[in-house]
N, C-alpha and C. Protein backbone atom coordinates (compact mmCIF):
# COMPACT_ATOMS: atom_id res chain seq x y z
N MET A 1 0.84 -1.19 0.00
CA MET A 1 0.00 0.00 0.00
C MET A 1 0.88 1.25 0.00
N SER A 2 0.57 2.19 -0.87
CA SER A 2 1.38 3.40 -0.97
C SER A 2 1.14 4.28 0.25
N LYS A 3 2.18 5.03 0.60
CA LYS A 3 2.07 5.91 1.77
C LYS A 3 1.15 7.09 1.46
N MET A 4 0.39 7.48 2.48
CA MET A 4 -0.51 8.62 2.32
C MET A 4 0.32 9.91 2.25
N ARG A 5 -0.01 10.78 1.31
CA ARG A 5 0.72 12.04 1.15
C ARG A 5 0.37 12.99 2.29
N LYS A 6 1.39 13.64 2.81
CA LYS A 6 1.16 14.59 3.90
C LYS A 6 0.51 15.86 3.37
N GLU A 7 -0.39 16.40 4.17
CA GLU A 7 -1.06 17.64 3.78
C GLU A 7 -0.07 18.80 3.77
N TYR A 8 -0.18 19.64 2.78
CA TYR A 8 0.71 20.80 2.63
C TYR A 8 0.48 21.79 3.76
N ASP A 9 1.53 22.16 4.43
CA ASP A 9 1.45 23.12 5.52
C ASP A 9 2.33 24.32 5.19
N PRO A 10 1.73 25.46 4.77
CA PRO A 10 2.52 26.63 4.38
C PRO A 10 3.39 27.18 5.49
N ASN A 11 3.00 26.92 6.75
CA ASN A 11 3.77 27.44 7.87
C ASN A 11 5.10 26.72 8.06
N LYS A 12 5.21 25.52 7.45
CA LYS A 12 6.43 24.75 7.59
C LYS A 12 7.36 24.89 6.38
N VAL A 13 6.90 25.66 5.41
CA VAL A 13 7.73 25.87 4.22
C VAL A 13 8.78 26.92 4.54
N LYS A 14 10.02 26.59 4.26
CA LYS A 14 11.11 27.52 4.55
C LYS A 14 11.08 28.69 3.58
N ARG A 15 11.20 29.88 4.14
CA ARG A 15 11.26 31.06 3.29
C ARG A 15 12.68 31.24 2.77
N ARG A 16 12.75 31.71 1.54
CA ARG A 16 14.07 32.00 0.98
C ARG A 16 14.68 33.16 1.76
N LYS A 17 15.91 32.97 2.18
CA LYS A 17 16.56 34.00 2.97
C LYS A 17 16.81 35.24 2.11
N ARG A 18 16.52 36.38 2.65
CA ARG A 18 16.75 37.64 1.93
C ARG A 18 17.34 38.66 2.88
N ARG A 19 17.78 39.76 2.30
CA ARG A 19 18.32 40.83 3.12
C ARG A 19 17.19 41.49 3.92
N PRO A 20 17.49 41.98 5.10
CA PRO A 20 16.47 42.67 5.90
C PRO A 20 15.94 43.90 5.17
N ILE A 21 14.70 44.23 5.43
CA ILE A 21 14.07 45.40 4.82
C ILE A 21 13.78 46.45 5.90
N VAL A 22 14.06 47.69 5.56
CA VAL A 22 13.71 48.81 6.44
C VAL A 22 12.44 49.44 5.87
N TYR A 23 11.35 49.31 6.60
CA TYR A 23 10.08 49.91 6.18
C TYR A 23 9.96 51.30 6.81
N ILE A 24 9.69 52.29 5.98
CA ILE A 24 9.52 53.66 6.46
C ILE A 24 8.09 54.11 6.16
N ILE A 25 7.30 54.26 7.21
CA ILE A 25 5.93 54.73 7.07
C ILE A 25 5.94 56.23 7.31
N CYS A 26 5.53 57.00 6.33
CA CYS A 26 5.62 58.46 6.47
C CYS A 26 4.34 59.14 6.04
N GLU A 27 4.17 60.37 6.48
CA GLU A 27 2.95 61.12 6.20
C GLU A 27 3.07 61.94 4.93
N GLY A 28 4.27 62.04 4.37
CA GLY A 28 4.45 62.85 3.17
C GLY A 28 4.66 62.02 1.93
N LYS A 29 3.95 62.34 0.87
CA LYS A 29 4.09 61.61 -0.38
C LYS A 29 5.32 62.05 -1.16
N GLU A 30 5.81 63.26 -0.86
CA GLU A 30 6.91 63.81 -1.66
C GLU A 30 8.18 64.02 -0.86
N THR A 31 8.17 64.92 0.10
CA THR A 31 9.39 65.30 0.81
C THR A 31 10.16 64.11 1.36
N GLU A 32 9.51 63.32 2.21
CA GLU A 32 10.19 62.19 2.85
C GLU A 32 10.56 61.11 1.83
N THR A 33 9.67 60.85 0.88
CA THR A 33 9.94 59.82 -0.13
C THR A 33 11.15 60.20 -0.98
N LEU A 34 11.20 61.45 -1.41
CA LEU A 34 12.33 61.92 -2.23
C LEU A 34 13.64 61.82 -1.46
N TYR A 35 13.59 62.05 -0.17
CA TYR A 35 14.82 62.02 0.63
C TYR A 35 15.29 60.59 0.91
N PHE A 36 14.40 59.78 1.45
CA PHE A 36 14.83 58.46 1.91
C PHE A 36 15.10 57.45 0.79
N LYS A 37 14.62 57.71 -0.40
CA LYS A 37 14.88 56.78 -1.51
C LYS A 37 16.37 56.69 -1.81
N HIS A 38 17.12 57.72 -1.44
CA HIS A 38 18.56 57.74 -1.73
C HIS A 38 19.36 56.80 -0.83
N PHE A 39 18.72 56.23 0.17
CA PHE A 39 19.41 55.30 1.05
C PHE A 39 19.29 53.86 0.56
N ARG A 40 18.58 53.67 -0.53
CA ARG A 40 18.46 52.33 -1.09
C ARG A 40 19.77 51.92 -1.75
N SER A 41 20.16 50.68 -1.53
CA SER A 41 21.36 50.15 -2.15
C SER A 41 21.28 48.63 -2.16
N ARG A 42 22.30 48.00 -2.71
CA ARG A 42 22.30 46.54 -2.74
C ARG A 42 22.40 45.94 -1.34
N THR A 43 22.91 46.72 -0.41
CA THR A 43 23.05 46.22 0.96
C THR A 43 21.99 46.78 1.90
N CYS A 44 21.14 47.66 1.38
CA CYS A 44 20.10 48.28 2.23
C CYS A 44 18.79 48.36 1.46
N LEU A 45 17.87 47.47 1.78
CA LEU A 45 16.56 47.48 1.14
C LEU A 45 15.65 48.41 1.93
N VAL A 46 15.13 49.42 1.26
CA VAL A 46 14.27 50.41 1.92
C VAL A 46 12.93 50.46 1.20
N ASP A 47 11.86 50.23 1.94
CA ASP A 47 10.51 50.31 1.39
C ASP A 47 9.80 51.49 2.03
N ILE A 48 9.55 52.54 1.24
CA ILE A 48 8.93 53.76 1.74
C ILE A 48 7.43 53.72 1.46
N ILE A 49 6.64 53.85 2.51
CA ILE A 49 5.19 53.74 2.37
C ILE A 49 4.50 55.01 2.86
N PRO A 50 4.13 55.92 1.95
CA PRO A 50 3.37 57.11 2.37
C PRO A 50 1.94 56.71 2.67
N ILE A 51 1.34 57.34 3.65
CA ILE A 51 -0.01 56.95 4.05
C ILE A 51 -1.04 58.01 3.65
N PRO A 52 -2.31 57.63 3.56
CA PRO A 52 -3.38 58.58 3.21
C PRO A 52 -3.49 59.68 4.26
N SER A 53 -3.94 60.84 3.84
CA SER A 53 -4.02 61.99 4.74
C SER A 53 -4.92 61.74 5.95
N LYS A 54 -5.91 60.88 5.81
CA LYS A 54 -6.83 60.62 6.93
C LYS A 54 -6.14 59.90 8.09
N HIS A 55 -4.95 59.36 7.84
CA HIS A 55 -4.22 58.65 8.89
C HIS A 55 -3.00 59.44 9.38
N LYS A 56 -2.92 60.73 9.06
CA LYS A 56 -1.71 61.49 9.35
C LYS A 56 -1.53 61.85 10.82
N ALA A 57 -2.58 61.85 11.62
CA ALA A 57 -2.41 62.09 13.05
C ALA A 57 -1.46 61.02 13.59
N ALA A 58 -0.57 61.43 14.49
CA ALA A 58 0.49 60.53 14.96
C ALA A 58 -0.01 59.16 15.40
N GLN A 59 -1.04 59.15 16.23
CA GLN A 59 -1.56 57.88 16.74
C GLN A 59 -2.14 57.03 15.61
N HIS A 60 -2.85 57.67 14.69
CA HIS A 60 -3.43 56.95 13.57
C HIS A 60 -2.35 56.41 12.65
N LEU A 61 -1.29 57.21 12.43
CA LEU A 61 -0.21 56.77 11.56
C LEU A 61 0.45 55.51 12.09
N VAL A 62 0.77 55.51 13.38
CA VAL A 62 1.44 54.36 13.97
C VAL A 62 0.53 53.13 13.96
N ARG A 63 -0.75 53.33 14.24
CA ARG A 63 -1.68 52.20 14.22
C ARG A 63 -1.91 51.70 12.79
N HIS A 64 -1.97 52.64 11.85
CA HIS A 64 -2.16 52.25 10.45
C HIS A 64 -0.94 51.50 9.93
N ALA A 65 0.22 51.81 10.48
CA ALA A 65 1.45 51.11 10.08
C ALA A 65 1.30 49.61 10.31
N LYS A 66 0.67 49.24 11.41
CA LYS A 66 0.50 47.82 11.72
C LYS A 66 -0.34 47.12 10.67
N SER A 67 -1.41 47.77 10.22
CA SER A 67 -2.27 47.14 9.21
C SER A 67 -1.55 47.06 7.87
N LEU A 68 -0.71 48.04 7.56
CA LEU A 68 0.05 48.00 6.31
C LEU A 68 1.08 46.89 6.34
N ILE A 69 1.76 46.77 7.47
CA ILE A 69 2.81 45.77 7.59
C ILE A 69 2.24 44.35 7.59
N SER A 70 1.01 44.19 8.08
CA SER A 70 0.41 42.86 8.09
C SER A 70 0.20 42.34 6.68
N GLN A 71 0.22 43.25 5.70
CA GLN A 71 0.04 42.86 4.30
C GLN A 71 1.38 42.69 3.59
N ALA A 72 2.47 42.97 4.29
CA ALA A 72 3.80 42.91 3.67
C ALA A 72 4.62 41.76 4.27
N ASP A 73 5.77 41.52 3.67
CA ASP A 73 6.68 40.50 4.20
C ASP A 73 7.55 41.14 5.28
N TYR A 74 7.00 41.24 6.46
CA TYR A 74 7.69 41.89 7.57
C TYR A 74 8.10 40.84 8.59
N TYR A 75 9.42 40.65 8.74
CA TYR A 75 9.94 39.63 9.64
C TYR A 75 11.00 40.25 10.56
N PRO A 76 10.58 40.88 11.66
CA PRO A 76 11.55 41.52 12.56
C PRO A 76 12.59 40.56 13.12
N LYS A 77 12.23 39.29 13.27
CA LYS A 77 13.19 38.31 13.78
C LYS A 77 14.33 38.08 12.80
N ASP A 78 14.08 38.40 11.54
CA ASP A 78 15.11 38.26 10.50
C ASP A 78 15.83 39.57 10.24
N GLY A 79 15.54 40.59 11.04
CA GLY A 79 16.25 41.85 10.89
C GLY A 79 15.46 42.98 10.28
N ASP A 80 14.21 42.73 9.86
CA ASP A 80 13.39 43.81 9.31
C ASP A 80 13.10 44.84 10.40
N ARG A 81 13.01 46.09 10.00
CA ARG A 81 12.70 47.16 10.95
C ARG A 81 11.65 48.09 10.37
N LEU A 82 10.86 48.69 11.25
CA LEU A 82 9.83 49.62 10.81
C LEU A 82 9.99 50.95 11.54
N TRP A 83 10.03 52.02 10.76
CA TRP A 83 10.14 53.37 11.30
C TRP A 83 8.92 54.18 10.91
N CYS A 84 8.37 54.90 11.85
CA CYS A 84 7.26 55.82 11.59
C CYS A 84 7.81 57.24 11.61
N VAL A 85 7.64 57.95 10.51
CA VAL A 85 8.17 59.31 10.38
C VAL A 85 7.00 60.29 10.36
N PHE A 86 6.95 61.18 11.34
CA PHE A 86 5.85 62.14 11.36
C PHE A 86 6.26 63.43 12.05
N ASP A 87 5.47 64.49 11.81
CA ASP A 87 5.71 65.81 12.39
C ASP A 87 4.76 66.05 13.56
N CYS A 88 5.04 67.11 14.29
CA CYS A 88 4.17 67.48 15.41
C CYS A 88 2.77 67.85 14.93
N ASP A 89 2.70 68.71 13.90
CA ASP A 89 1.42 69.15 13.34
C ASP A 89 0.46 69.60 14.45
N ASP A 90 -0.78 69.12 14.38
CA ASP A 90 -1.79 69.53 15.36
C ASP A 90 -1.98 68.50 16.47
N ASN A 91 -1.06 67.55 16.56
CA ASN A 91 -1.19 66.51 17.57
C ASN A 91 -1.10 67.08 18.99
N LYS A 92 -1.96 66.60 19.85
CA LYS A 92 -1.88 66.96 21.26
C LYS A 92 -0.81 66.08 21.91
N ASP A 93 -0.31 66.50 23.06
CA ASP A 93 0.70 65.71 23.76
C ASP A 93 0.18 64.31 24.09
N SER A 94 -1.10 64.24 24.42
CA SER A 94 -1.69 62.93 24.75
C SER A 94 -1.68 62.01 23.53
N GLU A 95 -1.89 62.58 22.36
CA GLU A 95 -1.88 61.80 21.12
C GLU A 95 -0.47 61.36 20.76
N LEU A 96 0.49 62.24 20.99
CA LEU A 96 1.88 61.89 20.74
C LEU A 96 2.33 60.78 21.68
N GLN A 97 1.92 60.87 22.94
CA GLN A 97 2.28 59.85 23.92
C GLN A 97 1.65 58.51 23.56
N ALA A 98 0.42 58.55 23.08
CA ALA A 98 -0.26 57.32 22.67
C ALA A 98 0.48 56.67 21.50
N ALA A 99 0.98 57.50 20.59
CA ALA A 99 1.74 56.99 19.44
C ALA A 99 3.03 56.34 19.91
N ILE A 100 3.71 56.97 20.87
CA ILE A 100 4.95 56.41 21.42
C ILE A 100 4.69 55.06 22.06
N SER A 101 3.66 55.00 22.89
CA SER A 101 3.34 53.76 23.61
C SER A 101 3.02 52.63 22.65
N TYR A 102 2.25 52.93 21.61
CA TYR A 102 1.86 51.91 20.63
C TYR A 102 3.09 51.43 19.86
N ALA A 103 3.95 52.37 19.48
CA ALA A 103 5.16 52.01 18.73
C ALA A 103 6.07 51.13 19.58
N GLU A 104 6.27 51.50 20.83
CA GLU A 104 7.12 50.71 21.71
C GLU A 104 6.57 49.31 21.91
N LYS A 105 5.26 49.21 22.05
CA LYS A 105 4.61 47.92 22.26
C LYS A 105 4.87 46.97 21.10
N HIS A 106 4.91 47.51 19.87
CA HIS A 106 5.06 46.68 18.68
C HIS A 106 6.47 46.68 18.11
N GLY A 107 7.39 47.33 18.80
CA GLY A 107 8.78 47.31 18.36
C GLY A 107 9.09 48.23 17.20
N TYR A 108 8.26 49.26 17.01
CA TYR A 108 8.50 50.22 15.93
C TYR A 108 9.36 51.38 16.45
N LYS A 109 10.07 52.02 15.54
CA LYS A 109 10.86 53.19 15.88
C LYS A 109 10.16 54.45 15.36
N ILE A 110 10.45 55.58 15.98
CA ILE A 110 9.84 56.84 15.58
C ILE A 110 10.92 57.86 15.22
N ALA A 111 10.71 58.55 14.08
CA ALA A 111 11.55 59.69 13.69
C ALA A 111 10.61 60.89 13.68
N TYR A 112 10.76 61.74 14.68
CA TYR A 112 9.82 62.83 14.94
C TYR A 112 10.45 64.19 14.66
N SER A 113 9.66 65.09 14.07
CA SER A 113 10.13 66.46 13.84
C SER A 113 9.10 67.46 14.34
N ASN A 114 9.60 68.51 14.96
CA ASN A 114 8.75 69.58 15.46
C ASN A 114 9.41 70.91 15.13
N PRO A 115 8.86 71.74 14.23
CA PRO A 115 7.50 71.62 13.73
C PRO A 115 7.35 70.74 12.48
N ALA A 116 8.46 70.53 11.72
CA ALA A 116 8.31 69.84 10.44
C ALA A 116 9.61 69.16 10.02
N PHE A 117 9.48 68.25 9.07
CA PHE A 117 10.62 67.51 8.54
C PHE A 117 11.69 68.45 7.99
N GLU A 118 11.26 69.60 7.46
CA GLU A 118 12.20 70.56 6.88
C GLU A 118 13.22 71.08 7.90
N TYR A 119 12.90 70.98 9.18
CA TYR A 119 13.86 71.39 10.21
C TYR A 119 15.13 70.55 10.10
N TRP A 120 14.96 69.28 9.74
CA TRP A 120 16.12 68.40 9.53
C TRP A 120 16.99 68.96 8.40
N TYR A 121 16.36 69.45 7.35
CA TYR A 121 17.10 70.06 6.24
C TYR A 121 17.86 71.30 6.72
N LEU A 122 17.18 72.13 7.51
CA LEU A 122 17.79 73.38 7.97
C LEU A 122 19.06 73.13 8.79
N LEU A 123 19.06 72.06 9.57
CA LEU A 123 20.22 71.75 10.40
C LEU A 123 21.46 71.39 9.58
N HIS A 124 21.29 71.12 8.31
CA HIS A 124 22.45 70.86 7.45
C HIS A 124 23.25 72.14 7.21
N PHE A 125 22.63 73.27 7.50
CA PHE A 125 23.27 74.55 7.19
C PHE A 125 23.50 75.44 8.40
N GLU A 126 22.70 75.28 9.43
CA GLU A 126 22.88 76.11 10.62
C GLU A 126 22.26 75.45 11.84
N LYS A 127 22.79 75.85 13.01
CA LYS A 127 22.19 75.41 14.27
C LYS A 127 21.05 76.37 14.59
N ARG A 128 19.87 75.83 14.82
CA ARG A 128 18.71 76.68 15.08
C ARG A 128 17.94 76.11 16.27
N ASN A 129 17.93 76.85 17.38
CA ASN A 129 17.23 76.40 18.58
C ASN A 129 15.98 77.22 18.90
N GLY A 130 15.77 78.31 18.15
CA GLY A 130 14.61 79.16 18.41
C GLY A 130 13.33 78.61 17.79
N TYR A 131 12.23 79.00 18.36
CA TYR A 131 10.91 78.52 17.93
C TYR A 131 10.68 78.75 16.44
N LEU A 132 10.10 77.75 15.78
CA LEU A 132 9.75 77.82 14.36
C LEU A 132 8.27 77.50 14.22
N LYS A 133 7.54 78.39 13.60
CA LYS A 133 6.08 78.28 13.56
C LYS A 133 5.58 77.03 12.85
N ASP A 134 6.07 76.80 11.63
CA ASP A 134 5.55 75.67 10.85
C ASP A 134 6.48 75.35 9.69
N SER A 135 6.04 74.41 8.85
CA SER A 135 6.83 73.97 7.70
C SER A 135 7.15 75.12 6.75
N ALA A 136 6.16 75.97 6.52
CA ALA A 136 6.34 77.10 5.60
C ALA A 136 7.43 78.05 6.11
N THR A 137 7.47 78.25 7.42
CA THR A 137 8.48 79.13 8.01
C THR A 137 9.88 78.59 7.75
N VAL A 138 10.06 77.29 7.95
CA VAL A 138 11.37 76.67 7.74
C VAL A 138 11.73 76.70 6.26
N SER A 139 10.77 76.44 5.40
CA SER A 139 11.00 76.47 3.96
C SER A 139 11.46 77.86 3.51
N ASP A 140 10.84 78.89 4.07
CA ASP A 140 11.22 80.26 3.72
C ASP A 140 12.66 80.56 4.13
N ILE A 141 13.06 80.07 5.29
CA ILE A 141 14.44 80.27 5.75
C ILE A 141 15.42 79.59 4.79
N LEU A 142 15.10 78.37 4.40
CA LEU A 142 15.96 77.62 3.48
C LEU A 142 16.15 78.37 2.17
N LYS A 143 15.07 78.96 1.69
CA LYS A 143 15.14 79.66 0.40
C LYS A 143 15.73 81.06 0.53
N ASN A 144 15.27 81.81 1.51
CA ASN A 144 15.70 83.21 1.65
C ASN A 144 17.17 83.36 2.03
N LYS A 145 17.70 82.36 2.75
CA LYS A 145 19.11 82.41 3.12
C LYS A 145 20.01 81.79 2.05
N GLY A 146 19.40 81.31 0.98
CA GLY A 146 20.18 80.75 -0.11
C GLY A 146 20.71 79.36 0.13
N TYR A 147 20.20 78.70 1.17
CA TYR A 147 20.64 77.34 1.44
C TYR A 147 20.12 76.39 0.36
N LEU A 148 18.82 76.48 0.11
CA LEU A 148 18.16 75.68 -0.93
C LEU A 148 17.22 76.63 -1.67
N GLU A 149 17.76 77.40 -2.58
CA GLU A 149 17.01 78.48 -3.22
C GLU A 149 15.77 78.01 -3.96
N ASN A 150 15.84 76.82 -4.52
CA ASN A 150 14.71 76.31 -5.32
C ASN A 150 13.89 75.28 -4.56
N TYR A 151 13.97 75.32 -3.23
CA TYR A 151 13.30 74.27 -2.45
C TYR A 151 11.78 74.28 -2.63
N GLY A 152 11.25 73.09 -2.70
CA GLY A 152 9.81 72.86 -2.73
C GLY A 152 9.60 71.42 -2.32
N LYS A 153 8.42 71.07 -1.85
CA LYS A 153 8.18 69.72 -1.36
C LYS A 153 8.37 68.65 -2.44
N SER A 154 8.27 69.05 -3.71
CA SER A 154 8.43 68.08 -4.79
C SER A 154 9.81 68.15 -5.44
N VAL A 155 10.73 68.90 -4.79
CA VAL A 155 12.08 69.06 -5.33
C VAL A 155 13.05 68.15 -4.57
N ASP A 156 13.84 67.38 -5.30
CA ASP A 156 14.81 66.47 -4.70
C ASP A 156 16.09 67.26 -4.38
N VAL A 157 16.38 67.42 -3.09
CA VAL A 157 17.54 68.22 -2.68
C VAL A 157 18.61 67.38 -1.98
N PHE A 158 18.50 66.07 -2.09
CA PHE A 158 19.39 65.19 -1.34
C PHE A 158 20.86 65.48 -1.61
N GLU A 159 21.22 65.63 -2.87
CA GLU A 159 22.63 65.85 -3.22
C GLU A 159 23.16 67.14 -2.62
N GLU A 160 22.32 68.15 -2.50
CA GLU A 160 22.74 69.42 -1.92
C GLU A 160 22.93 69.30 -0.40
N LEU A 161 22.26 68.33 0.19
CA LEU A 161 22.33 68.14 1.64
C LEU A 161 23.45 67.19 2.05
N GLN A 162 23.77 66.25 1.20
CA GLN A 162 24.59 65.12 1.57
C GLN A 162 25.91 65.50 2.24
N GLU A 163 26.64 66.44 1.68
CA GLU A 163 27.96 66.78 2.23
C GLU A 163 27.85 67.42 3.62
N HIS A 164 26.68 67.94 3.95
CA HIS A 164 26.48 68.59 5.24
C HIS A 164 25.84 67.66 6.27
N GLN A 165 25.61 66.41 5.91
CA GLN A 165 24.88 65.50 6.79
C GLN A 165 25.53 65.32 8.16
N PRO A 166 26.86 65.14 8.25
CA PRO A 166 27.48 64.99 9.57
C PRO A 166 27.18 66.17 10.50
N LYS A 167 27.18 67.38 9.94
CA LYS A 167 26.89 68.56 10.75
C LYS A 167 25.44 68.54 11.22
N ALA A 168 24.52 68.13 10.36
CA ALA A 168 23.10 68.07 10.73
C ALA A 168 22.89 67.07 11.86
N ILE A 169 23.56 65.94 11.77
CA ILE A 169 23.45 64.93 12.83
C ILE A 169 23.95 65.49 14.15
N GLN A 170 25.08 66.18 14.10
CA GLN A 170 25.66 66.77 15.31
C GLN A 170 24.71 67.80 15.93
N TYR A 171 24.18 68.70 15.10
CA TYR A 171 23.28 69.74 15.61
C TYR A 171 21.99 69.14 16.18
N ALA A 172 21.47 68.12 15.50
CA ALA A 172 20.24 67.47 15.97
C ALA A 172 20.46 66.81 17.33
N LYS A 173 21.61 66.15 17.48
CA LYS A 173 21.93 65.49 18.75
C LYS A 173 22.08 66.52 19.87
N GLU A 174 22.74 67.62 19.56
CA GLU A 174 22.95 68.66 20.56
C GLU A 174 21.62 69.25 21.03
N ARG A 175 20.69 69.39 20.09
CA ARG A 175 19.37 69.93 20.45
C ARG A 175 18.63 68.96 21.37
N VAL A 176 18.68 67.68 21.04
CA VAL A 176 18.03 66.66 21.87
C VAL A 176 18.65 66.65 23.27
N GLU A 177 19.97 66.74 23.33
CA GLU A 177 20.66 66.74 24.62
C GLU A 177 20.25 67.95 25.46
N ARG A 178 20.09 69.10 24.79
CA ARG A 178 19.69 70.31 25.51
C ARG A 178 18.29 70.16 26.08
N LEU A 179 17.37 69.64 25.27
CA LEU A 179 16.01 69.43 25.75
C LEU A 179 15.98 68.45 26.91
N THR A 180 16.75 67.39 26.77
CA THR A 180 16.80 66.38 27.83
C THR A 180 17.35 67.00 29.12
N GLY A 181 18.38 67.83 28.97
CA GLY A 181 18.96 68.50 30.13
C GLY A 181 17.97 69.45 30.80
N ASP A 182 17.10 70.03 29.99
CA ASP A 182 16.06 70.93 30.52
C ASP A 182 14.81 70.18 30.94
N GLN A 183 14.88 68.86 30.89
CA GLN A 183 13.78 67.98 31.28
C GLN A 183 12.52 68.23 30.45
N VAL A 184 12.73 68.45 29.16
CA VAL A 184 11.62 68.60 28.21
C VAL A 184 11.56 67.34 27.36
N ALA A 185 10.42 66.71 27.29
CA ALA A 185 10.28 65.50 26.47
C ALA A 185 10.55 65.85 25.01
N VAL A 186 11.27 64.99 24.33
CA VAL A 186 11.61 65.25 22.93
C VAL A 186 10.37 65.19 22.05
N ILE A 187 9.56 64.16 22.25
CA ILE A 187 8.35 64.02 21.44
C ILE A 187 7.18 64.63 22.20
N CYS A 188 7.06 65.93 22.05
CA CYS A 188 5.95 66.67 22.65
C CYS A 188 5.85 68.02 21.94
N ARG A 189 4.82 68.77 22.20
CA ARG A 189 4.61 70.04 21.52
C ARG A 189 5.64 71.10 21.97
N ASP A 190 6.08 71.03 23.22
CA ASP A 190 6.97 72.06 23.75
C ASP A 190 8.42 71.91 23.31
N SER A 191 8.74 70.87 22.55
CA SER A 191 10.13 70.63 22.16
C SER A 191 10.57 71.44 20.94
N ASN A 192 9.67 72.21 20.37
CA ASN A 192 9.96 73.00 19.16
C ASN A 192 11.17 73.91 19.36
N PRO A 193 12.19 73.84 18.47
CA PRO A 193 12.30 72.88 17.37
C PRO A 193 13.13 71.66 17.77
N VAL A 194 12.84 70.55 17.12
CA VAL A 194 13.61 69.33 17.36
C VAL A 194 13.35 68.35 16.22
N THR A 195 14.29 67.44 16.01
CA THR A 195 14.06 66.33 15.08
C THR A 195 14.90 65.14 15.51
N THR A 196 14.32 63.96 15.41
CA THR A 196 15.07 62.74 15.67
C THR A 196 15.27 61.95 14.38
N VAL A 197 15.10 62.62 13.26
CA VAL A 197 15.33 61.98 11.96
C VAL A 197 16.77 61.49 11.86
N TYR A 198 17.67 62.15 12.59
CA TYR A 198 19.07 61.73 12.54
C TYR A 198 19.26 60.28 12.99
N GLU A 199 18.39 59.80 13.89
CA GLU A 199 18.49 58.42 14.35
C GLU A 199 18.20 57.45 13.21
N LEU A 200 17.21 57.77 12.41
CA LEU A 200 16.88 56.94 11.25
C LEU A 200 18.00 57.03 10.21
N VAL A 201 18.53 58.22 9.99
CA VAL A 201 19.61 58.40 9.03
C VAL A 201 20.85 57.61 9.45
N GLU A 202 21.19 57.67 10.71
CA GLU A 202 22.35 56.90 11.20
C GLU A 202 22.10 55.40 11.04
N PHE A 203 20.88 54.97 11.30
CA PHE A 203 20.54 53.56 11.15
C PHE A 203 20.69 53.13 9.69
N LEU A 204 20.16 53.93 8.77
CA LEU A 204 20.24 53.61 7.35
C LEU A 204 21.69 53.63 6.87
N ASN A 205 22.46 54.58 7.36
CA ASN A 205 23.88 54.64 6.98
C ASN A 205 24.62 53.38 7.42
N SER A 206 24.27 52.87 8.59
CA SER A 206 24.94 51.68 9.11
C SER A 206 24.63 50.45 8.27
N LYS A 207 23.50 50.47 7.57
CA LYS A 207 23.10 49.33 6.75
C LYS A 207 23.73 49.37 5.36
N ARG A 208 24.33 50.49 5.02
CA ARG A 208 24.92 50.64 3.69
C ARG A 208 26.40 50.27 3.68
N THR A 209 26.97 50.02 4.85
CA THR A 209 28.40 49.73 4.91
C THR A 209 28.65 48.24 5.03
């Protein structure tokens, strides 16, 4: 009598080993996507996922990230990582804290900017610790001071920033250290200006070597 064939079990099928993927969930379709795409290489797989505007609130973005990742090949045990990139915008401190708690619970990282992602760009050219109203304010500084004269959210400025990246990382770290020393939470409304995008940039740089 021939042996009975075993039922196919997809959970026992070995997956082909691949390089880890860095998933970046962001609220901007242009600015963040144009910037982070430059970190893609043969040694660093980067999947940038912009989200719909209805999910842009910090807490919604982080929660929506989970539903997006459930549809993707996300294997943190194999080295995959997920970063949520968002700005302060109109989020209340309670909403920002909820986003932090949810991210920590699921092992996600956060790259936060207050008031906007463009502050990270500004730090490539100068140290700025004074209050900045919004994204438009930072954009005006970039253009009016001649740092990025043609800047716009749909303009790719990565090459103009690249040589100044070490300085931006240094300035961003110094700002975080100052806030910490003053006992001000980094991810809150009162931290303006601040950005932790440098943490994601350092992580991506480490994957390219």
